[in-house]
mmCIF file of all heavy atoms, coordinates in Angstrom:
data_MODEL
# 
_entry.id   MODEL 
# 
loop_
_atom_site.group_PDB 
_atom_site.id 
_atom_site.type_symbol 
_atom_site.label_atom_id 
_atom_site.label_alt_id 
_atom_site.label_comp_id 
_atom_site.label_asym_id 
_atom_site.label_entity_id 
_atom_site.label_seq_id 
_atom_site.pdbx_PDB_ins_code 
_atom_site.Cartn_x 
_atom_site.Cartn_y 
_atom_site.Cartn_z 
_atom_site.occupancy 
_atom_site.B_iso_or_equiv 
_atom_site.pdbx_formal_charge 
_atom_site.auth_seq_id 
_atom_site.auth_comp_id 
_atom_site.auth_asym_id 
_atom_site.auth_atom_id 
_atom_site.pdbx_PDB_model_num 
ATOM 1   N N   . ASP A 1 1  ? 117.742 82.506  112.086 1.00 0.00 ? 1  ASP A N   1 
ATOM 2   C CA  . ASP A 1 1  ? 118.657 82.265  110.904 1.00 0.00 ? 1  ASP A CA  1 
ATOM 3   C C   . ASP A 1 1  ? 118.822 80.849  110.496 1.00 0.00 ? 1  ASP A C   1 
ATOM 4   O O   . ASP A 1 1  ? 119.875 80.448  109.962 1.00 0.00 ? 1  ASP A O   1 
ATOM 5   C CB  . ASP A 1 1  ? 120.070 82.952  111.208 1.00 0.00 ? 1  ASP A CB  1 
ATOM 6   C CG  . ASP A 1 1  ? 120.783 83.282  109.879 1.00 0.00 ? 1  ASP A CG  1 
ATOM 7   O OD1 . ASP A 1 1  ? 120.101 83.763  109.028 1.00 0.00 ? 1  ASP A OD1 1 
ATOM 8   O OD2 . ASP A 1 1  ? 122.045 83.079  109.859 1.00 0.00 ? 1  ASP A OD2 1 
ATOM 9   N N   . LYS A 1 2  ? 117.774 80.029  110.762 1.00 0.00 ? 2  LYS A N   1 
ATOM 10  C CA  . LYS A 1 2  ? 117.744 78.704  110.383 1.00 0.00 ? 2  LYS A CA  1 
ATOM 11  C C   . LYS A 1 2  ? 117.020 78.524  109.094 1.00 0.00 ? 2  LYS A C   1 
ATOM 12  O O   . LYS A 1 2  ? 115.951 79.149  108.944 1.00 0.00 ? 2  LYS A O   1 
ATOM 13  C CB  . LYS A 1 2  ? 117.142 77.768  111.415 1.00 0.00 ? 2  LYS A CB  1 
ATOM 14  C CG  . LYS A 1 2  ? 117.995 77.730  112.729 1.00 0.00 ? 2  LYS A CG  1 
ATOM 15  C CD  . LYS A 1 2  ? 117.331 76.849  113.798 1.00 0.00 ? 2  LYS A CD  1 
ATOM 16  C CE  . LYS A 1 2  ? 118.157 76.872  115.042 1.00 0.00 ? 2  LYS A CE  1 
ATOM 17  N NZ  . LYS A 1 2  ? 117.505 76.417  116.181 1.00 0.00 ? 2  LYS A NZ  1 
ATOM 18  N N   . VAL A 1 3  ? 117.415 77.607  108.228 1.00 0.00 ? 3  VAL A N   1 
ATOM 19  C CA  . VAL A 1 3  ? 116.691 77.392  106.951 1.00 0.00 ? 3  VAL A CA  1 
ATOM 20  C C   . VAL A 1 3  ? 115.303 76.795  107.192 1.00 0.00 ? 3  VAL A C   1 
ATOM 21  O O   . VAL A 1 3  ? 115.215 75.837  107.964 1.00 0.00 ? 3  VAL A O   1 
ATOM 22  C CB  . VAL A 1 3  ? 117.494 76.433  105.991 1.00 0.00 ? 3  VAL A CB  1 
ATOM 23  C CG1 . VAL A 1 3  ? 116.742 76.127  104.801 1.00 0.00 ? 3  VAL A CG1 1 
ATOM 24  C CG2 . VAL A 1 3  ? 118.818 77.090  105.597 1.00 0.00 ? 3  VAL A CG2 1 
ATOM 25  N N   . ILE A 1 4  ? 114.309 77.352  106.612 1.00 0.00 ? 4  ILE A N   1 
ATOM 26  C CA  . ILE A 1 4  ? 112.939 76.788  106.724 1.00 0.00 ? 4  ILE A CA  1 
ATOM 27  C C   . ILE A 1 4  ? 112.733 75.743  105.675 1.00 0.00 ? 4  ILE A C   1 
ATOM 28  O O   . ILE A 1 4  ? 112.500 76.086  104.480 1.00 0.00 ? 4  ILE A O   1 
ATOM 29  C CB  . ILE A 1 4  ? 111.866 77.901  106.588 1.00 0.00 ? 4  ILE A CB  1 
ATOM 30  C CG1 . ILE A 1 4  ? 112.169 78.963  107.665 1.00 0.00 ? 4  ILE A CG1 1 
ATOM 31  C CG2 . ILE A 1 4  ? 110.452 77.364  106.731 1.00 0.00 ? 4  ILE A CG2 1 
ATOM 32  C CD1 . ILE A 1 4  ? 111.246 80.229  107.454 1.00 0.00 ? 4  ILE A CD1 1 
ATOM 33  N N   . THR A 1 5  ? 112.933 74.494  105.979 1.00 0.00 ? 5  THR A N   1 
ATOM 34  C CA  . THR A 1 5  ? 112.943 73.415  104.992 1.00 0.00 ? 5  THR A CA  1 
ATOM 35  C C   . THR A 1 5  ? 111.561 73.168  104.314 1.00 0.00 ? 5  THR A C   1 
ATOM 36  O O   . THR A 1 5  ? 111.565 72.600  103.269 1.00 0.00 ? 5  THR A O   1 
ATOM 37  C CB  . THR A 1 5  ? 113.434 72.081  105.561 1.00 0.00 ? 5  THR A CB  1 
ATOM 38  O OG1 . THR A 1 5  ? 112.572 71.834  106.709 1.00 0.00 ? 5  THR A OG1 1 
ATOM 39  C CG2 . THR A 1 5  ? 114.885 72.212  106.110 1.00 0.00 ? 5  THR A CG2 1 
ATOM 40  N N   . ASP A 1 6  ? 110.478 73.633  104.922 1.00 0.00 ? 6  ASP A N   1 
ATOM 41  C CA  . ASP A 1 6  ? 109.185 73.464  104.250 1.00 0.00 ? 6  ASP A CA  1 
ATOM 42  C C   . ASP A 1 6  ? 108.636 74.724  103.623 1.00 0.00 ? 6  ASP A C   1 
ATOM 43  O O   . ASP A 1 6  ? 107.473 74.837  103.310 1.00 0.00 ? 6  ASP A O   1 
ATOM 44  C CB  . ASP A 1 6  ? 108.178 72.825  105.280 1.00 0.00 ? 6  ASP A CB  1 
ATOM 45  C CG  . ASP A 1 6  ? 107.880 73.710  106.454 1.00 0.00 ? 6  ASP A CG  1 
ATOM 46  O OD1 . ASP A 1 6  ? 108.636 74.719  106.639 1.00 0.00 ? 6  ASP A OD1 1 
ATOM 47  O OD2 . ASP A 1 6  ? 106.975 73.488  107.248 1.00 0.00 ? 6  ASP A OD2 1 
ATOM 48  N N   . TYR A 1 7  ? 109.556 75.709  103.349 1.00 0.00 ? 7  TYR A N   1 
ATOM 49  C CA  . TYR A 1 7  ? 109.085 76.921  102.678 1.00 0.00 ? 7  TYR A CA  1 
ATOM 50  C C   . TYR A 1 7  ? 108.707 76.630  101.267 1.00 0.00 ? 7  TYR A C   1 
ATOM 51  O O   . TYR A 1 7  ? 109.351 75.931  100.517 1.00 0.00 ? 7  TYR A O   1 
ATOM 52  C CB  . TYR A 1 7  ? 110.297 77.903  102.679 1.00 0.00 ? 7  TYR A CB  1 
ATOM 53  C CG  . TYR A 1 7  ? 109.963 79.281  101.965 1.00 0.00 ? 7  TYR A CG  1 
ATOM 54  C CD1 . TYR A 1 7  ? 109.037 80.117  102.582 1.00 0.00 ? 7  TYR A CD1 1 
ATOM 55  C CD2 . TYR A 1 7  ? 110.520 79.521  100.759 1.00 0.00 ? 7  TYR A CD2 1 
ATOM 56  C CE1 . TYR A 1 7  ? 108.750 81.268  101.902 1.00 0.00 ? 7  TYR A CE1 1 
ATOM 57  C CE2 . TYR A 1 7  ? 110.152 80.638  100.050 1.00 0.00 ? 7  TYR A CE2 1 
ATOM 58  C CZ  . TYR A 1 7  ? 109.249 81.539  100.680 1.00 0.00 ? 7  TYR A CZ  1 
ATOM 59  O OH  . TYR A 1 7  ? 108.929 82.701  100.025 1.00 0.00 ? 7  TYR A OH  1 
ATOM 60  N N   . ARG A 1 8  ? 107.520 77.137  100.900 1.00 0.00 ? 8  ARG A N   1 
ATOM 61  C CA  . ARG A 1 8  ? 106.930 76.957  99.536  1.00 0.00 ? 8  ARG A CA  1 
ATOM 62  C C   . ARG A 1 8  ? 106.522 78.246  98.872  1.00 0.00 ? 8  ARG A C   1 
ATOM 63  O O   . ARG A 1 8  ? 105.655 78.227  97.997  1.00 0.00 ? 8  ARG A O   1 
ATOM 64  C CB  . ARG A 1 8  ? 105.674 75.947  99.594  1.00 0.00 ? 8  ARG A CB  1 
ATOM 65  C CG  . ARG A 1 8  ? 105.930 74.640  100.251 1.00 0.00 ? 8  ARG A CG  1 
ATOM 66  C CD  . ARG A 1 8  ? 106.756 73.754  99.337  1.00 0.00 ? 8  ARG A CD  1 
ATOM 67  N NE  . ARG A 1 8  ? 107.037 72.493  99.992  1.00 0.00 ? 8  ARG A NE  1 
ATOM 68  C CZ  . ARG A 1 8  ? 107.990 72.188  100.895 1.00 0.00 ? 8  ARG A CZ  1 
ATOM 69  N NH1 . ARG A 1 8  ? 108.876 73.186  101.221 1.00 0.00 ? 8  ARG A NH1 1 
ATOM 70  N NH2 . ARG A 1 8  ? 108.110 71.044  101.491 1.00 0.00 ? 8  ARG A NH2 1 
ATOM 71  N N   . GLY A 1 9  ? 107.035 79.359  99.285  1.00 0.00 ? 9  GLY A N   1 
ATOM 72  C CA  . GLY A 1 9  ? 106.700 80.622  98.736  1.00 0.00 ? 9  GLY A CA  1 
ATOM 73  C C   . GLY A 1 9  ? 107.296 80.903  97.402  1.00 0.00 ? 9  GLY A C   1 
ATOM 74  O O   . GLY A 1 9  ? 108.095 80.108  96.804  1.00 0.00 ? 9  GLY A O   1 
ATOM 75  N N   . SER A 1 10 ? 107.065 82.161  96.953  1.00 0.00 ? 10 SER A N   1 
ATOM 76  C CA  . SER A 1 10 ? 107.716 82.651  95.720  1.00 0.00 ? 10 SER A CA  1 
ATOM 77  C C   . SER A 1 10 ? 108.438 83.937  95.997  1.00 0.00 ? 10 SER A C   1 
ATOM 78  O O   . SER A 1 10 ? 108.027 84.729  96.767  1.00 0.00 ? 10 SER A O   1 
ATOM 79  C CB  . SER A 1 10 ? 106.552 82.931  94.694  1.00 0.00 ? 10 SER A CB  1 
ATOM 80  O OG  . SER A 1 10 ? 105.851 81.686  94.404  1.00 0.00 ? 10 SER A OG  1 
ATOM 81  N N   . VAL A 1 11 ? 109.553 84.188  95.226  1.00 0.00 ? 11 VAL A N   1 
ATOM 82  C CA  . VAL A 1 11 ? 110.330 85.303  95.420  1.00 0.00 ? 11 VAL A CA  1 
ATOM 83  C C   . VAL A 1 11 ? 110.602 86.002  94.087  1.00 0.00 ? 11 VAL A C   1 
ATOM 84  O O   . VAL A 1 11 ? 110.507 85.392  93.024  1.00 0.00 ? 11 VAL A O   1 
ATOM 85  C CB  . VAL A 1 11 ? 111.746 84.916  96.017  1.00 0.00 ? 11 VAL A CB  1 
ATOM 86  C CG1 . VAL A 1 11 ? 111.575 84.327  97.485  1.00 0.00 ? 11 VAL A CG1 1 
ATOM 87  C CG2 . VAL A 1 11 ? 112.523 83.969  95.176  1.00 0.00 ? 11 VAL A CG2 1 
ATOM 88  N N   . TYR A 1 12 ? 110.909 87.324  94.200  1.00 0.00 ? 12 TYR A N   1 
ATOM 89  C CA  . TYR A 1 12 ? 111.178 88.084  92.999  1.00 0.00 ? 12 TYR A CA  1 
ATOM 90  C C   . TYR A 1 12 ? 112.527 88.704  93.180  1.00 0.00 ? 12 TYR A C   1 
ATOM 91  O O   . TYR A 1 12 ? 112.931 89.223  94.295  1.00 0.00 ? 12 TYR A O   1 
ATOM 92  C CB  . TYR A 1 12 ? 110.165 89.226  92.924  1.00 0.00 ? 12 TYR A CB  1 
ATOM 93  C CG  . TYR A 1 12 ? 108.738 88.726  92.747  1.00 0.00 ? 12 TYR A CG  1 
ATOM 94  C CD1 . TYR A 1 12 ? 107.914 88.419  93.848  1.00 0.00 ? 12 TYR A CD1 1 
ATOM 95  C CD2 . TYR A 1 12 ? 108.263 88.646  91.461  1.00 0.00 ? 12 TYR A CD2 1 
ATOM 96  C CE1 . TYR A 1 12 ? 106.689 87.974  93.645  1.00 0.00 ? 12 TYR A CE1 1 
ATOM 97  C CE2 . TYR A 1 12 ? 106.931 88.176  91.260  1.00 0.00 ? 12 TYR A CE2 1 
ATOM 98  C CZ  . TYR A 1 12 ? 106.188 87.857  92.370  1.00 0.00 ? 12 TYR A CZ  1 
ATOM 99  O OH  . TYR A 1 12 ? 104.871 87.420  92.136  1.00 0.00 ? 12 TYR A OH  1 
ATOM 100 N N   . PHE A 1 13 ? 113.319 88.652  92.157  1.00 0.00 ? 13 PHE A N   1 
ATOM 101 C CA  . PHE A 1 13 ? 114.763 89.258  92.146  1.00 0.00 ? 13 PHE A CA  1 
ATOM 102 C C   . PHE A 1 13 ? 114.660 90.637  91.506  1.00 0.00 ? 13 PHE A C   1 
ATOM 103 O O   . PHE A 1 13 ? 113.891 90.927  90.637  1.00 0.00 ? 13 PHE A O   1 
ATOM 104 C CB  . PHE A 1 13 ? 115.645 88.350  91.287  1.00 0.00 ? 13 PHE A CB  1 
ATOM 105 C CG  . PHE A 1 13 ? 116.041 87.130  91.959  1.00 0.00 ? 13 PHE A CG  1 
ATOM 106 C CD1 . PHE A 1 13 ? 115.236 85.927  91.843  1.00 0.00 ? 13 PHE A CD1 1 
ATOM 107 C CD2 . PHE A 1 13 ? 117.228 87.008  92.741  1.00 0.00 ? 13 PHE A CD2 1 
ATOM 108 C CE1 . PHE A 1 13 ? 115.552 84.748  92.465  1.00 0.00 ? 13 PHE A CE1 1 
ATOM 109 C CE2 . PHE A 1 13 ? 117.471 85.805  93.409  1.00 0.00 ? 13 PHE A CE2 1 
ATOM 110 C CZ  . PHE A 1 13 ? 116.706 84.693  93.182  1.00 0.00 ? 13 PHE A CZ  1 
ATOM 111 N N   . SER A 1 14 ? 115.542 91.516  92.023  1.00 0.00 ? 14 SER A N   1 
ATOM 112 C CA  . SER A 1 14 ? 115.716 92.825  91.426  1.00 0.00 ? 14 SER A CA  1 
ATOM 113 C C   . SER A 1 14 ? 117.106 93.368  91.721  1.00 0.00 ? 14 SER A C   1 
ATOM 114 O O   . SER A 1 14 ? 117.826 92.867  92.599  1.00 0.00 ? 14 SER A O   1 
ATOM 115 C CB  . SER A 1 14 ? 114.706 93.775  92.053  1.00 0.00 ? 14 SER A CB  1 
ATOM 116 O OG  . SER A 1 14 ? 114.862 94.016  93.423  1.00 0.00 ? 14 SER A OG  1 
ATOM 117 N N   . THR A 1 15 ? 117.495 94.390  90.930  1.00 0.00 ? 15 THR A N   1 
ATOM 118 C CA  . THR A 1 15 ? 118.707 95.136  91.166  1.00 0.00 ? 15 THR A CA  1 
ATOM 119 C C   . THR A 1 15 ? 118.496 96.563  90.816  1.00 0.00 ? 15 THR A C   1 
ATOM 120 O O   . THR A 1 15 ? 117.851 96.848  89.839  1.00 0.00 ? 15 THR A O   1 
ATOM 121 C CB  . THR A 1 15 ? 119.867 94.544  90.394  1.00 0.00 ? 15 THR A CB  1 
ATOM 122 O OG1 . THR A 1 15 ? 121.041 95.357  90.687  1.00 0.00 ? 15 THR A OG1 1 
ATOM 123 C CG2 . THR A 1 15 ? 119.680 94.560  88.890  1.00 0.00 ? 15 THR A CG2 1 
ATOM 124 N N   . ASP A 1 16 ? 118.975 97.435  91.723  1.00 0.00 ? 16 ASP A N   1 
ATOM 125 C CA  . ASP A 1 16 ? 118.836 98.852  91.341  1.00 0.00 ? 16 ASP A CA  1 
ATOM 126 C C   . ASP A 1 16 ? 120.194 99.486  91.097  1.00 0.00 ? 16 ASP A C   1 
ATOM 127 O O   . ASP A 1 16 ? 120.273 100.705 91.033  1.00 0.00 ? 16 ASP A O   1 
ATOM 128 C CB  . ASP A 1 16 ? 118.098 99.588  92.496  1.00 0.00 ? 16 ASP A CB  1 
ATOM 129 C CG  . ASP A 1 16 ? 118.785 99.482  93.803  1.00 0.00 ? 16 ASP A CG  1 
ATOM 130 O OD1 . ASP A 1 16 ? 119.831 98.969  93.887  1.00 0.00 ? 16 ASP A OD1 1 
ATOM 131 O OD2 . ASP A 1 16 ? 118.224 100.075 94.823  1.00 0.00 ? 16 ASP A OD2 1 
ATOM 132 N N   . THR A 1 17 ? 121.177 98.673  90.841  1.00 0.00 ? 17 THR A N   1 
ATOM 133 C CA  . THR A 1 17 ? 122.550 99.206  90.569  1.00 0.00 ? 17 THR A CA  1 
ATOM 134 C C   . THR A 1 17 ? 123.011 98.923  89.103  1.00 0.00 ? 17 THR A C   1 
ATOM 135 O O   . THR A 1 17 ? 123.922 99.547  88.761  1.00 0.00 ? 17 THR A O   1 
ATOM 136 C CB  . THR A 1 17 ? 123.542 98.577  91.531  1.00 0.00 ? 17 THR A CB  1 
ATOM 137 O OG1 . THR A 1 17 ? 123.531 97.183  91.467  1.00 0.00 ? 17 THR A OG1 1 
ATOM 138 C CG2 . THR A 1 17 ? 123.221 99.024  93.012  1.00 0.00 ? 17 THR A CG2 1 
ATOM 139 N N   . ASP A 1 18 ? 122.350 97.996  88.486  1.00 0.00 ? 18 ASP A N   1 
ATOM 140 C CA  . ASP A 1 18 ? 122.797 97.599  87.067  1.00 0.00 ? 18 ASP A CA  1 
ATOM 141 C C   . ASP A 1 18 ? 121.518 97.241  86.323  1.00 0.00 ? 18 ASP A C   1 
ATOM 142 O O   . ASP A 1 18 ? 121.094 96.095  86.303  1.00 0.00 ? 18 ASP A O   1 
ATOM 143 C CB  . ASP A 1 18 ? 123.779 96.418  87.091  1.00 0.00 ? 18 ASP A CB  1 
ATOM 144 C CG  . ASP A 1 18 ? 124.335 96.118  85.705  1.00 0.00 ? 18 ASP A CG  1 
ATOM 145 O OD1 . ASP A 1 18 ? 123.798 96.647  84.744  1.00 0.00 ? 18 ASP A OD1 1 
ATOM 146 O OD2 . ASP A 1 18 ? 125.270 95.309  85.597  1.00 0.00 ? 18 ASP A OD2 1 
ATOM 147 N N   . PHE A 1 19 ? 121.001 98.215  85.650  1.00 0.00 ? 19 PHE A N   1 
ATOM 148 C CA  . PHE A 1 19 ? 119.647 97.903  85.002  1.00 0.00 ? 19 PHE A CA  1 
ATOM 149 C C   . PHE A 1 19 ? 119.839 97.069  83.736  1.00 0.00 ? 19 PHE A C   1 
ATOM 150 O O   . PHE A 1 19 ? 118.868 96.587  83.166  1.00 0.00 ? 19 PHE A O   1 
ATOM 151 C CB  . PHE A 1 19 ? 118.938 99.224  84.647  1.00 0.00 ? 19 PHE A CB  1 
ATOM 152 C CG  . PHE A 1 19 ? 118.571 99.996  85.902  1.00 0.00 ? 19 PHE A CG  1 
ATOM 153 C CD1 . PHE A 1 19 ? 119.242 101.160 86.272  1.00 0.00 ? 19 PHE A CD1 1 
ATOM 154 C CD2 . PHE A 1 19 ? 117.536 99.513  86.703  1.00 0.00 ? 19 PHE A CD2 1 
ATOM 155 C CE1 . PHE A 1 19 ? 118.866 101.846 87.420  1.00 0.00 ? 19 PHE A CE1 1 
ATOM 156 C CE2 . PHE A 1 19 ? 117.198 100.206 87.902  1.00 0.00 ? 19 PHE A CE2 1 
ATOM 157 C CZ  . PHE A 1 19 ? 117.887 101.343 88.202  1.00 0.00 ? 19 PHE A CZ  1 
ATOM 158 N N   . GLY A 1 20 ? 121.098 96.849  83.285  1.00 0.00 ? 20 GLY A N   1 
ATOM 159 C CA  . GLY A 1 20 ? 121.335 95.924  82.197  1.00 0.00 ? 20 GLY A CA  1 
ATOM 160 C C   . GLY A 1 20 ? 121.633 94.504  82.567  1.00 0.00 ? 20 GLY A C   1 
ATOM 161 O O   . GLY A 1 20 ? 121.868 93.644  81.773  1.00 0.00 ? 20 GLY A O   1 
ATOM 162 N N   . ALA A 1 21 ? 121.527 94.226  83.916  1.00 0.00 ? 21 ALA A N   1 
ATOM 163 C CA  . ALA A 1 21 ? 121.893 92.932  84.386  1.00 0.00 ? 21 ALA A CA  1 
ATOM 164 C C   . ALA A 1 21 ? 120.814 91.924  83.970  1.00 0.00 ? 21 ALA A C   1 
ATOM 165 O O   . ALA A 1 21 ? 119.631 92.246  83.810  1.00 0.00 ? 21 ALA A O   1 
ATOM 166 C CB  . ALA A 1 21 ? 121.981 93.004  85.929  1.00 0.00 ? 21 ALA A CB  1 
ATOM 167 N N   . THR A 1 22 ? 121.271 90.697  83.942  1.00 0.00 ? 22 THR A N   1 
ATOM 168 C CA  . THR A 1 22 ? 120.343 89.585  83.790  1.00 0.00 ? 22 THR A CA  1 
ATOM 169 C C   . THR A 1 22 ? 120.116 88.987  85.106  1.00 0.00 ? 22 THR A C   1 
ATOM 170 O O   . THR A 1 22 ? 121.108 88.533  85.824  1.00 0.00 ? 22 THR A O   1 
ATOM 171 C CB  . THR A 1 22 ? 120.959 88.536  82.853  1.00 0.00 ? 22 THR A CB  1 
ATOM 172 O OG1 . THR A 1 22 ? 121.242 89.142  81.583  1.00 0.00 ? 22 THR A OG1 1 
ATOM 173 C CG2 . THR A 1 22 ? 120.034 87.307  82.625  1.00 0.00 ? 22 THR A CG2 1 
ATOM 174 N N   . ILE A 1 23 ? 118.841 88.909  85.554  1.00 0.00 ? 23 ILE A N   1 
ATOM 175 C CA  . ILE A 1 23 ? 118.554 88.324  86.881  1.00 0.00 ? 23 ILE A CA  1 
ATOM 176 C C   . ILE A 1 23 ? 117.491 87.264  86.661  1.00 0.00 ? 23 ILE A C   1 
ATOM 177 O O   . ILE A 1 23 ? 116.775 87.212  85.631  1.00 0.00 ? 23 ILE A O   1 
ATOM 178 C CB  . ILE A 1 23 ? 118.020 89.415  87.859  1.00 0.00 ? 23 ILE A CB  1 
ATOM 179 C CG1 . ILE A 1 23 ? 116.745 90.140  87.289  1.00 0.00 ? 23 ILE A CG1 1 
ATOM 180 C CG2 . ILE A 1 23 ? 119.100 90.430  88.115  1.00 0.00 ? 23 ILE A CG2 1 
ATOM 181 C CD1 . ILE A 1 23 ? 116.208 91.193  88.191  1.00 0.00 ? 23 ILE A CD1 1 
ATOM 182 N N   . PRO A 1 24 ? 117.372 86.334  87.610  1.00 0.00 ? 24 PRO A N   1 
ATOM 183 C CA  . PRO A 1 24 ? 116.468 85.165  87.499  1.00 0.00 ? 24 PRO A CA  1 
ATOM 184 C C   . PRO A 1 24 ? 115.030 85.693  87.361  1.00 0.00 ? 24 PRO A C   1 
ATOM 185 O O   . PRO A 1 24 ? 114.523 86.551  88.031  1.00 0.00 ? 24 PRO A O   1 
ATOM 186 C CB  . PRO A 1 24 ? 116.589 84.407  88.853  1.00 0.00 ? 24 PRO A CB  1 
ATOM 187 C CG  . PRO A 1 24 ? 117.961 84.831  89.315  1.00 0.00 ? 24 PRO A CG  1 
ATOM 188 C CD  . PRO A 1 24 ? 118.176 86.262  88.882  1.00 0.00 ? 24 PRO A CD  1 
ATOM 189 N N   . ALA A 1 25 ? 114.315 85.042  86.312  1.00 0.00 ? 25 ALA A N   1 
ATOM 190 C CA  . ALA A 1 25 ? 112.899 85.271  86.121  1.00 0.00 ? 25 ALA A CA  1 
ATOM 191 C C   . ALA A 1 25 ? 112.518 86.704  86.140  1.00 0.00 ? 25 ALA A C   1 
ATOM 192 O O   . ALA A 1 25 ? 111.548 87.152  86.827  1.00 0.00 ? 25 ALA A O   1 
ATOM 193 C CB  . ALA A 1 25 ? 112.064 84.439  87.117  1.00 0.00 ? 25 ALA A CB  1 
ATOM 194 N N   . GLN A 1 26 ? 113.202 87.563  85.455  1.00 0.00 ? 26 GLN A N   1 
ATOM 195 C CA  . GLN A 1 26 ? 113.001 89.047  85.509  1.00 0.00 ? 26 GLN A CA  1 
ATOM 196 C C   . GLN A 1 26 ? 111.500 89.363  85.369  1.00 0.00 ? 26 GLN A C   1 
ATOM 197 O O   . GLN A 1 26 ? 110.915 89.092  84.366  1.00 0.00 ? 26 GLN A O   1 
ATOM 198 C CB  . GLN A 1 26 ? 113.819 89.703  84.422  1.00 0.00 ? 26 GLN A CB  1 
ATOM 199 C CG  . GLN A 1 26 ? 114.063 91.125  84.658  1.00 0.00 ? 26 GLN A CG  1 
ATOM 200 C CD  . GLN A 1 26 ? 115.318 91.613  83.945  1.00 0.00 ? 26 GLN A CD  1 
ATOM 201 O OE1 . GLN A 1 26 ? 116.020 90.892  83.242  1.00 0.00 ? 26 GLN A OE1 1 
ATOM 202 N NE2 . GLN A 1 26 ? 115.632 92.883  84.137  1.00 0.00 ? 26 GLN A NE2 1 
ATOM 203 N N   . GLY A 1 27 ? 110.972 89.988  86.393  1.00 0.00 ? 27 GLY A N   1 
ATOM 204 C CA  . GLY A 1 27 ? 109.582 90.427  86.354  1.00 0.00 ? 27 GLY A CA  1 
ATOM 205 C C   . GLY A 1 27 ? 108.537 89.281  86.766  1.00 0.00 ? 27 GLY A C   1 
ATOM 206 O O   . GLY A 1 27 ? 107.432 89.523  86.717  1.00 0.00 ? 27 GLY A O   1 
# 
C-alpha cells in the first residue's frame, strides 16, 4: 500500500452506476 513514485503506466476510468456521468478521458 505504498505509492509507487516511478509509476509511468496508463489508466482507464469507468462507472457502471451512472452512464450519464462525466469521467476523466472517457474511452
